[in-house]
Protein backbone atom coordinates (compact mmCIF):
# COMPACT_ATOMS: atom_id res chain seq x y z
CA MET A 1 88.56 -109.94 -63.23
CA LEU A 2 87.91 -109.96 -59.44
CA LYS A 3 89.33 -107.32 -57.26
CA PRO A 4 93.13 -108.94 -56.24
CA GLY A 5 92.47 -110.14 -52.29
CA LEU A 6 88.42 -110.33 -53.10
CA ARG A 7 86.56 -114.05 -52.85
CA TYR A 8 83.19 -114.87 -53.04
CA SER A 9 81.35 -115.38 -49.79
CA HIS A 10 77.40 -114.66 -50.43
CA ILE A 11 74.12 -112.92 -51.55
CA GLY A 12 72.13 -110.71 -49.16
CA ILE A 13 68.78 -110.19 -49.94
CA PRO A 14 66.67 -108.00 -48.12
CA THR A 15 63.77 -109.33 -47.21
CA LYS A 16 59.78 -108.23 -45.09
CA ASP A 17 58.29 -111.74 -45.15
CA ARG A 18 60.75 -113.89 -43.69
CA LYS A 19 59.91 -114.56 -39.64
CA ASP A 20 61.74 -113.42 -36.93
CA GLU A 21 62.37 -116.97 -36.02
CA ASP A 22 63.66 -117.86 -39.46
CA LEU A 23 66.15 -115.16 -38.83
CA PRO A 24 68.26 -116.28 -35.47
CA ILE A 25 70.57 -113.44 -35.74
CA TYR A 26 70.16 -109.72 -34.41
CA LEU A 27 72.53 -107.41 -34.85
CA ASP A 28 71.13 -104.57 -32.41
CA ALA A 29 73.56 -101.75 -34.05
CA CYS A 30 72.08 -102.43 -37.03
CA LYS A 31 68.46 -102.68 -35.91
CA VAL A 32 69.09 -106.05 -38.32
CA ARG A 33 67.42 -109.63 -38.16
CA ILE A 34 69.80 -111.98 -39.95
CA ASN A 35 70.22 -116.30 -40.66
CA ASP A 36 73.58 -117.82 -41.37
CA PHE A 37 74.55 -117.93 -45.17
CA ASN A 38 77.07 -120.31 -44.00
CA THR A 39 74.02 -123.09 -43.09
CA GLU A 40 72.20 -122.66 -46.74
CA PRO A 41 72.97 -124.33 -49.78
CA TYR A 42 73.77 -121.46 -52.36
CA ALA A 43 75.21 -118.85 -49.32
CA VAL A 44 71.74 -116.76 -49.22
CA GLU A 45 71.64 -114.09 -46.69
CA TRP A 46 68.44 -112.71 -45.63
CA LEU A 47 67.90 -109.58 -43.92
CA LYS A 48 65.13 -107.61 -42.13
CA PHE A 49 65.33 -104.57 -41.27
CA GLU A 50 63.45 -102.59 -38.28
CA GLU A 51 62.38 -99.46 -38.57
CA GLY A 52 65.26 -96.85 -37.99
CA SER A 53 67.58 -98.76 -39.00
CA PRO A 54 70.89 -96.82 -39.88
CA PHE A 55 71.74 -98.89 -42.76
CA PRO A 56 71.51 -96.65 -46.23
CA GLU A 57 68.32 -97.78 -48.15
CA ILE A 58 70.46 -99.11 -51.15
CA LEU A 59 71.02 -101.85 -48.87
CA GLN A 60 67.76 -102.23 -47.10
CA LYS A 61 65.63 -102.26 -50.42
CA GLN A 62 68.48 -103.96 -53.13
CA ALA A 63 69.99 -106.91 -52.96
CA HIS A 64 74.08 -106.80 -52.19
CA VAL A 65 76.99 -108.99 -52.83
CA ALA A 66 79.88 -109.87 -50.26
CA TYR A 67 82.97 -110.62 -50.94
CA GLU A 68 85.39 -111.55 -48.13
CA CYS A 69 89.16 -109.90 -48.56
CA ASP A 70 92.45 -110.34 -46.84
CA ASN A 71 92.89 -106.32 -46.15
CA LEU A 72 89.88 -104.47 -45.58
CA GLU A 73 90.99 -101.19 -46.11
CA GLU A 74 92.54 -101.84 -49.39
CA ALA A 75 89.53 -103.48 -50.81
CA MET A 76 87.91 -99.99 -50.12
CA LYS A 77 90.07 -98.31 -52.31
CA GLY A 78 88.25 -96.02 -54.72
CA CYS A 79 84.54 -96.92 -53.50
CA LYS A 80 81.85 -94.88 -52.75
CA VAL A 81 81.74 -95.75 -48.88
CA LEU A 82 78.17 -96.53 -47.92
CA VAL A 83 78.92 -98.12 -44.38
CA GLU A 84 82.13 -97.75 -42.79
CA PRO A 85 83.81 -100.48 -41.19
CA PHE A 86 81.91 -102.06 -38.43
CA GLU A 87 82.83 -105.63 -36.31
CA ALA A 88 79.92 -107.25 -37.04
CA GLY A 89 80.62 -110.26 -34.92
CA PRO A 90 83.52 -111.85 -33.08
CA ASN A 91 86.81 -111.37 -35.49
CA LEU A 92 84.87 -110.12 -38.46
CA MET A 93 85.02 -106.51 -39.51
CA CYS A 94 82.31 -105.56 -42.34
CA ALA A 95 81.91 -102.18 -44.22
CA PHE A 96 79.69 -101.35 -47.17
CA VAL A 97 80.63 -99.57 -50.02
CA GLU A 98 78.52 -98.85 -53.08
CA VAL A 99 79.99 -99.34 -57.38
CA ASP A 100 77.79 -98.99 -59.98
CA GLY A 101 74.55 -98.37 -58.07
CA LEU A 102 75.37 -102.09 -56.36
CA GLY A 103 75.76 -102.37 -53.09
CA ILE A 104 79.22 -104.52 -51.79
CA GLU A 105 79.53 -106.10 -48.13
CA LEU A 106 84.02 -106.54 -48.03
CA MET A 107 84.44 -109.02 -44.64
CA GLN A 108 87.51 -108.79 -42.84
CA PHE A 109 88.42 -111.66 -40.35
CA THR A 110 90.64 -110.71 -38.08
CA LYS A 111 91.73 -114.13 -36.16
């Protein structure tokens, strides 16, 4: 049973093979290039990490599942935190947790 308040968003898959022009969004603080998963027919987010990215190795090397949530702090309770909440875009806060060896992204829209 899905934790209350969570809604599936996308799957994120690290890649080294995608061209930079195919990943038009650059998150400077994370040192990662991504695509807009909302434009993908299967909601796949490709992530191409640069050398020196502060993201944990688990997120740089294996896929993660992402959920939208109503309350980020509540959704994080009881989980091992990999990346503390950060502003990922306008009106969007994200955090990453680990559950049973899987990276999970939690996303809260703030407006």
